[in-house]
Amino acid sequence: MSSFDTVLLEAAWMLGSNRWHAFWDVEFPSIRSGVVGAATFSMIISFNETARTSLVQGIHNTVQTYIWATYKQIGLSPTLYALMTMLILVTLLLVLAFWSVSDRRNELPTG
């Protein structure tokens, strides 16, 4: 964000764009890689932060704390195995989706 040139936003506003369209059409494409990287990194970090998550979660239960609490109460069950399998599959699908999107962007146009 520190390297983003705010003159681009001002130009979009002067050309009639509202704040929402200026953000999505001008600013977000410039910062997209940073946002995706931060989201991916925070998702990876969150898998290893059970103790911290249990302290700050409040009244709502997260998947991670649910798995940990159920494991401590009854041990591993078929439900936990299914839930962990789904988490792994969703994570792999997200990684493959990000990978395919980045590959399409990096392809050089031919012709």
N, C-alpha and C. Protein backbone atom coordinates (compact mmCIF):
# COMPACT_ATOMS: atom_id res chain seq x y z
N MET A 1 0.81 -1.19 0.00
CA MET A 1 0.00 0.00 0.00
C MET A 1 0.86 1.26 0.00
N SER A 2 2.05 1.18 0.58
CA SER A 2 2.88 2.38 0.64
C SER A 2 3.38 2.79 -0.74
N SER A 3 3.46 1.85 -1.66
CA SER A 3 3.94 2.18 -3.00
C SER A 3 2.80 2.50 -3.97
N PHE A 4 1.56 2.42 -3.51
CA PHE A 4 0.43 2.72 -4.38
C PHE A 4 0.33 4.22 -4.61
N ASP A 5 0.19 4.61 -5.85
CA ASP A 5 0.11 6.02 -6.21
C ASP A 5 -1.33 6.50 -6.10
N THR A 6 -1.60 7.37 -5.14
CA THR A 6 -2.97 7.85 -4.92
C THR A 6 -3.45 8.77 -6.04
N VAL A 7 -2.56 9.23 -6.88
CA VAL A 7 -2.95 10.06 -8.01
C VAL A 7 -3.87 9.27 -8.94
N LEU A 8 -3.67 7.96 -9.01
CA LEU A 8 -4.54 7.13 -9.84
C LEU A 8 -5.99 7.15 -9.34
N LEU A 9 -6.17 7.12 -8.01
CA LEU A 9 -7.52 7.21 -7.46
C LEU A 9 -8.13 8.59 -7.73
N GLU A 10 -7.34 9.61 -7.56
CA GLU A 10 -7.84 10.96 -7.82
C GLU A 10 -8.26 11.11 -9.28
N ALA A 11 -7.50 10.53 -10.19
CA ALA A 11 -7.85 10.58 -11.61
C ALA A 11 -9.16 9.84 -11.86
N ALA A 12 -9.34 8.70 -11.21
CA ALA A 12 -10.60 7.96 -11.37
C ALA A 12 -11.77 8.76 -10.84
N TRP A 13 -11.59 9.43 -9.70
CA TRP A 13 -12.67 10.25 -9.16
C TRP A 13 -12.98 11.43 -10.07
N MET A 14 -11.95 12.04 -10.65
CA MET A 14 -12.17 13.19 -11.54
C MET A 14 -12.86 12.77 -12.83
N LEU A 15 -12.70 11.51 -13.21
CA LEU A 15 -13.36 11.01 -14.40
C LEU A 15 -14.77 10.49 -14.12
N GLY A 16 -15.26 10.70 -12.90
CA GLY A 16 -16.65 10.37 -12.58
C GLY A 16 -16.87 9.08 -11.84
N SER A 17 -15.84 8.42 -11.44
CA SER A 17 -15.99 7.16 -10.72
C SER A 17 -16.26 7.44 -9.24
N ASN A 18 -17.15 6.65 -8.64
CA ASN A 18 -17.36 6.80 -7.19
C ASN A 18 -16.28 6.03 -6.45
N ARG A 19 -16.28 6.11 -5.13
CA ARG A 19 -15.22 5.48 -4.34
C ARG A 19 -15.17 3.97 -4.54
N TRP A 20 -16.34 3.34 -4.61
CA TRP A 20 -16.42 1.90 -4.75
C TRP A 20 -15.81 1.44 -6.08
N HIS A 21 -16.21 2.06 -7.17
CA HIS A 21 -15.67 1.69 -8.49
C HIS A 21 -14.20 2.04 -8.61
N ALA A 22 -13.80 3.15 -8.03
CA ALA A 22 -12.38 3.51 -8.06
C ALA A 22 -11.55 2.47 -7.32
N PHE A 23 -12.07 1.99 -6.20
CA PHE A 23 -11.34 0.97 -5.46
C PHE A 23 -11.22 -0.32 -6.28
N TRP A 24 -12.36 -0.82 -6.81
CA TRP A 24 -12.34 -2.10 -7.51
C TRP A 24 -11.66 -2.04 -8.87
N ASP A 25 -11.76 -0.92 -9.56
CA ASP A 25 -11.20 -0.83 -10.91
C ASP A 25 -9.76 -0.33 -10.94
N VAL A 26 -9.35 0.44 -9.92
CA VAL A 26 -8.02 1.05 -9.95
C VAL A 26 -7.13 0.53 -8.83
N GLU A 27 -7.61 0.63 -7.61
CA GLU A 27 -6.74 0.31 -6.47
C GLU A 27 -6.58 -1.19 -6.26
N PHE A 28 -7.67 -1.95 -6.26
CA PHE A 28 -7.59 -3.37 -5.95
C PHE A 28 -6.70 -4.16 -6.92
N PRO A 29 -6.77 -3.91 -8.24
CA PRO A 29 -5.85 -4.65 -9.12
C PRO A 29 -4.38 -4.40 -8.78
N SER A 30 -4.07 -3.23 -8.26
CA SER A 30 -2.68 -2.92 -7.91
C SER A 30 -2.24 -3.61 -6.62
N ILE A 31 -3.17 -3.83 -5.70
CA ILE A 31 -2.81 -4.42 -4.41
C ILE A 31 -3.26 -5.86 -4.28
N ARG A 32 -3.82 -6.44 -5.33
CA ARG A 32 -4.38 -7.79 -5.28
C ARG A 32 -3.38 -8.83 -4.81
N SER A 33 -2.16 -8.79 -5.31
CA SER A 33 -1.18 -9.81 -4.93
C SER A 33 -0.86 -9.73 -3.44
N GLY A 34 -0.80 -8.52 -2.88
CA GLY A 34 -0.56 -8.37 -1.45
C GLY A 34 -1.72 -8.88 -0.62
N VAL A 35 -2.94 -8.61 -1.06
CA VAL A 35 -4.13 -9.06 -0.34
C VAL A 35 -4.23 -10.58 -0.38
N VAL A 36 -4.01 -11.17 -1.55
CA VAL A 36 -4.07 -12.63 -1.67
C VAL A 36 -2.96 -13.28 -0.85
N GLY A 37 -1.78 -12.71 -0.88
CA GLY A 37 -0.68 -13.24 -0.09
C GLY A 37 -0.95 -13.17 1.40
N ALA A 38 -1.48 -12.05 1.86
CA ALA A 38 -1.80 -11.91 3.29
C ALA A 38 -2.91 -12.86 3.70
N ALA A 39 -3.93 -13.02 2.86
CA ALA A 39 -5.01 -13.94 3.18
C ALA A 39 -4.52 -15.38 3.23
N THR A 40 -3.69 -15.76 2.27
CA THR A 40 -3.15 -17.12 2.25
C THR A 40 -2.27 -17.36 3.47
N PHE A 41 -1.41 -16.41 3.79
CA PHE A 41 -0.51 -16.55 4.93
C PHE A 41 -1.30 -16.63 6.23
N SER A 42 -2.34 -15.81 6.38
CA SER A 42 -3.13 -15.85 7.61
C SER A 42 -3.91 -17.15 7.73
N MET A 43 -4.36 -17.72 6.60
CA MET A 43 -5.05 -19.00 6.65
C MET A 43 -4.10 -20.11 7.08
N ILE A 44 -2.87 -20.09 6.55
CA ILE A 44 -1.89 -21.10 6.92
C ILE A 44 -1.51 -20.98 8.39
N ILE A 45 -1.30 -19.76 8.85
CA ILE A 45 -0.94 -19.53 10.24
C ILE A 45 -2.07 -19.97 11.18
N SER A 46 -3.32 -19.76 10.76
CA SER A 46 -4.44 -20.07 11.65
C SER A 46 -4.56 -21.55 11.97
N PHE A 47 -4.02 -22.42 11.13
CA PHE A 47 -4.08 -23.85 11.41
C PHE A 47 -3.21 -24.25 12.60
N ASN A 48 -2.25 -23.42 12.96
CA ASN A 48 -1.33 -23.76 14.03
C ASN A 48 -1.53 -22.91 15.28
N GLU A 49 -2.63 -22.23 15.40
CA GLU A 49 -2.84 -21.30 16.49
C GLU A 49 -4.07 -21.68 17.34
N THR A 50 -4.16 -22.91 17.75
CA THR A 50 -5.32 -23.35 18.52
C THR A 50 -5.40 -22.65 19.86
N ALA A 51 -4.30 -22.53 20.56
CA ALA A 51 -4.32 -21.90 21.90
C ALA A 51 -4.72 -20.44 21.80
N ARG A 52 -4.14 -19.71 20.87
CA ARG A 52 -4.49 -18.29 20.72
C ARG A 52 -5.93 -18.12 20.26
N THR A 53 -6.37 -18.96 19.34
CA THR A 53 -7.75 -18.87 18.86
C THR A 53 -8.74 -19.14 19.98
N SER A 54 -8.45 -20.11 20.84
CA SER A 54 -9.38 -20.41 21.93
C SER A 54 -9.45 -19.26 22.93
N LEU A 55 -8.41 -18.46 23.04
CA LEU A 55 -8.43 -17.32 23.96
C LEU A 55 -9.21 -16.13 23.42
N VAL A 56 -9.19 -15.92 22.12
CA VAL A 56 -9.80 -14.72 21.55
C VAL A 56 -11.09 -14.98 20.77
N GLN A 57 -11.58 -16.20 20.75
CA GLN A 57 -12.73 -16.52 19.91
C GLN A 57 -14.06 -15.98 20.44
N GLY A 58 -14.16 -15.71 21.72
CA GLY A 58 -15.42 -15.23 22.27
C GLY A 58 -16.41 -16.36 22.43
N ILE A 59 -17.68 -16.06 22.17
CA ILE A 59 -18.72 -17.06 22.37
C ILE A 59 -18.88 -18.01 21.19
N HIS A 60 -18.30 -17.65 20.05
CA HIS A 60 -18.45 -18.46 18.86
C HIS A 60 -17.34 -19.50 18.77
N ASN A 61 -17.68 -20.67 18.29
CA ASN A 61 -16.71 -21.75 18.14
C ASN A 61 -16.19 -21.75 16.71
N THR A 62 -14.90 -21.92 16.53
CA THR A 62 -14.34 -22.05 15.19
C THR A 62 -14.15 -23.53 14.88
N VAL A 63 -13.89 -23.85 13.63
CA VAL A 63 -13.69 -25.25 13.25
C VAL A 63 -12.49 -25.82 13.98
N GLN A 64 -11.45 -25.04 14.08
CA GLN A 64 -10.23 -25.51 14.72
C GLN A 64 -10.46 -25.81 16.20
N THR A 65 -11.14 -24.92 16.91
CA THR A 65 -11.37 -25.16 18.34
C THR A 65 -12.40 -26.26 18.54
N TYR A 66 -13.34 -26.42 17.59
CA TYR A 66 -14.30 -27.51 17.67
C TYR A 66 -13.58 -28.85 17.55
N ILE A 67 -12.66 -28.94 16.59
CA ILE A 67 -11.91 -30.19 16.42
C ILE A 67 -11.10 -30.49 17.68
N TRP A 68 -10.43 -29.48 18.22
CA TRP A 68 -9.59 -29.69 19.39
C TRP A 68 -10.42 -30.09 20.62
N ALA A 69 -11.55 -29.41 20.84
CA ALA A 69 -12.39 -29.71 22.00
C ALA A 69 -12.99 -31.11 21.88
N THR A 70 -13.45 -31.47 20.69
CA THR A 70 -14.02 -32.80 20.49
C THR A 70 -12.96 -33.87 20.66
N TYR A 71 -11.77 -33.62 20.16
CA TYR A 71 -10.67 -34.57 20.31
C TYR A 71 -10.34 -34.78 21.79
N LYS A 72 -10.29 -33.70 22.55
CA LYS A 72 -9.96 -33.82 23.97
C LYS A 72 -11.07 -34.52 24.77
N GLN A 73 -12.33 -34.37 24.32
CA GLN A 73 -13.45 -34.98 25.06
C GLN A 73 -13.64 -36.44 24.72
N ILE A 74 -13.68 -36.78 23.42
CA ILE A 74 -14.02 -38.15 23.03
C ILE A 74 -12.95 -38.82 22.18
N GLY A 75 -11.90 -38.12 21.83
CA GLY A 75 -10.88 -38.70 20.96
C GLY A 75 -11.27 -38.55 19.51
N LEU A 76 -10.56 -39.24 18.66
CA LEU A 76 -10.84 -39.16 17.23
C LEU A 76 -12.09 -39.96 16.90
N SER A 77 -12.96 -39.34 16.14
CA SER A 77 -14.20 -39.99 15.75
C SER A 77 -14.34 -39.89 14.23
N PRO A 78 -15.25 -40.67 13.65
CA PRO A 78 -15.46 -40.57 12.20
C PRO A 78 -15.86 -39.16 11.76
N THR A 79 -16.58 -38.44 12.61
CA THR A 79 -16.97 -37.07 12.28
C THR A 79 -15.75 -36.17 12.16
N LEU A 80 -14.81 -36.32 13.08
CA LEU A 80 -13.60 -35.52 13.03
C LEU A 80 -12.75 -35.87 11.81
N TYR A 81 -12.66 -37.17 11.51
CA TYR A 81 -11.93 -37.57 10.32
C TYR A 81 -12.54 -36.94 9.06
N ALA A 82 -13.87 -36.97 8.97
CA ALA A 82 -14.55 -36.38 7.82
C ALA A 82 -14.32 -34.88 7.75
N LEU A 83 -14.40 -34.21 8.89
CA LEU A 83 -14.19 -32.76 8.92
C LEU A 83 -12.76 -32.39 8.54
N MET A 84 -11.80 -33.13 9.05
CA MET A 84 -10.40 -32.85 8.71
C MET A 84 -10.13 -33.14 7.23
N THR A 85 -10.75 -34.18 6.69
CA THR A 85 -10.60 -34.48 5.27
C THR A 85 -11.18 -33.36 4.42
N MET A 86 -12.34 -32.84 4.82
CA MET A 86 -12.94 -31.73 4.09
C MET A 86 -12.05 -30.49 4.15
N LEU A 87 -11.46 -30.21 5.30
CA LEU A 87 -10.57 -29.06 5.42
C LEU A 87 -9.37 -29.20 4.50
N ILE A 88 -8.79 -30.38 4.44
CA ILE A 88 -7.64 -30.62 3.58
C ILE A 88 -8.04 -30.46 2.11
N LEU A 89 -9.20 -31.01 1.73
CA LEU A 89 -9.65 -30.90 0.34
C LEU A 89 -9.94 -29.46 -0.05
N VAL A 90 -10.60 -28.72 0.82
CA VAL A 90 -10.89 -27.32 0.52
C VAL A 90 -9.60 -26.52 0.39
N THR A 91 -8.65 -26.79 1.27
CA THR A 91 -7.36 -26.10 1.20
C THR A 91 -6.65 -26.41 -0.11
N LEU A 92 -6.63 -27.68 -0.49
CA LEU A 92 -5.99 -28.06 -1.75
C LEU A 92 -6.70 -27.44 -2.95
N LEU A 93 -8.03 -27.39 -2.92
CA LEU A 93 -8.77 -26.76 -4.02
C LEU A 93 -8.46 -25.27 -4.11
N LEU A 94 -8.36 -24.59 -2.96
CA LEU A 94 -8.01 -23.17 -2.99
C LEU A 94 -6.61 -22.95 -3.52
N VAL A 95 -5.67 -23.78 -3.12
CA VAL A 95 -4.31 -23.65 -3.62
C VAL A 95 -4.27 -23.87 -5.13
N LEU A 96 -4.98 -24.89 -5.61
CA LEU A 96 -5.02 -25.15 -7.05
C LEU A 96 -5.70 -24.01 -7.81
N ALA A 97 -6.75 -23.44 -7.23
CA ALA A 97 -7.44 -22.32 -7.87
C ALA A 97 -6.52 -21.10 -7.96
N PHE A 98 -5.83 -20.78 -6.87
CA PHE A 98 -4.90 -19.65 -6.89
C PHE A 98 -3.77 -19.91 -7.89
N TRP A 99 -3.32 -21.14 -7.93
CA TRP A 99 -2.23 -21.50 -8.84
C TRP A 99 -2.67 -21.35 -10.30
N SER A 100 -3.87 -21.82 -10.62
CA SER A 100 -4.33 -21.73 -12.00
C SER A 100 -4.58 -20.28 -12.40
N VAL A 101 -5.09 -19.47 -11.48
CA VAL A 101 -5.32 -18.05 -11.79
C VAL A 101 -3.99 -17.35 -12.02
N SER A 102 -3.00 -17.63 -11.19
CA SER A 102 -1.70 -16.98 -11.37
C SER A 102 -1.01 -17.46 -12.64
N ASP A 103 -1.20 -18.73 -13.02
CA ASP A 103 -0.62 -19.23 -14.26
C ASP A 103 -1.24 -18.53 -15.48
N ARG A 104 -2.55 -18.29 -15.43
CA ARG A 104 -3.22 -17.61 -16.55
C ARG A 104 -2.74 -16.18 -16.69
N ARG A 105 -2.47 -15.53 -15.58
CA ARG A 105 -1.99 -14.15 -15.63
C ARG A 105 -0.57 -14.07 -16.15
N ASN A 106 0.22 -15.09 -15.88
CA ASN A 106 1.63 -15.06 -16.27
C ASN A 106 1.87 -15.54 -17.70
N GLU A 107 0.84 -16.08 -18.35
CA GLU A 107 1.01 -16.53 -19.74
C GLU A 107 1.20 -15.34 -20.66
N LEU A 108 2.12 -15.47 -21.55
CA LEU A 108 2.33 -14.41 -22.53
C LEU A 108 1.36 -14.59 -23.69
N PRO A 109 0.76 -13.51 -24.14
CA PRO A 109 -0.16 -13.66 -25.28
C PRO A 109 0.62 -14.01 -26.55
N THR A 110 0.06 -14.93 -27.30
CA THR A 110 0.69 -15.33 -28.56
C THR A 110 -0.09 -14.75 -29.72
N GLY A 111 0.56 -14.46 -30.74
CA GLY A 111 -0.16 -14.01 -31.91
C GLY A 111 0.38 -12.77 -32.38
